[in-house]
Amino acid sequence: MGQKVHPLGLRLGITQKHRSVWFSKFDNYPRLILEDKNIRSYIFKKYSKAHIIDVLIKRYRTTQNIETKEPIDLVEVSINTALPSKILNRKNTKESLTELKSILENICYKERLNKNLPKVEIILNVFKVEDIYSEASVLADYLIQQLEERVPFRSALKKTLNRTRFTKLKGIKIQISGRLNGAEIARTEWVRKGRVPLQTLRADINYSYKTAKTIYGILGIKVWLFKGEKT
């Protein structure tokens, strides 16, 4: 039986970069990984309609607060999104950034409470992604929206493929698993357009896995995009 490998993890260091960039002592790794997970979970859950593509986290060396002289850990959080207006308030961008920054700092503070660890200071960046239909997570979100509105899955697949007509993608593959159109027996259906060479390590593959919650149950959605080969 063929074993499945995550297409992004397989290409780390070749065409993909790490989403978390930091180095620490061995004893601190579990705590910092949990902090990263909690930060990402909050952002993806809070701004589920913002079509967030990824959240990059960088940690810097422990420094001192200029005013209080207390040690602090600097953490840079960069959010790449298709709709930054869903995160930032157009009338008061600074206030919405400050509010999100304080919430993320409190999330980290809970993990460090009673452990004599330095406080965290968040540096927050929000970037807009221009070519949104060249991102697998955006296409997966669009397909989820169609399926949850009870659009037949074949029509939803065609509409999703049509969204990529004017992009520079070399290939796309979409797979849906579950009780499709309310069928009693779950099955898997997929559609492909162009080339998607998952065995080629130098292939620039963009991948996303999400779930759609329908009245018949949960549908698993996988999207692979092939953007070309990197030399």
Foldseek 3Di string as FASTA:
>chain_A
DDDDDDLQVLQDVQQHDDLEDDDDDPVCVVLVVVLVVVLQVCVCVVQVVQLWQGKHKYKDDWDADPVPRFTEIEIEIEIETQHCCSQAPPVCRPVSVVVSQVVSQVSSCVSCPPVPDHGYGYHYHYHHDDLSLLAQSSLVVQLLVCVQVVNQNVVSVVVSVVSCPPPQFQKKKKKKWACGSLNPDIDMDMDMDGDDPSVDNQWNKHKDWDWHQHPNGIMIMIMITTNGGDD
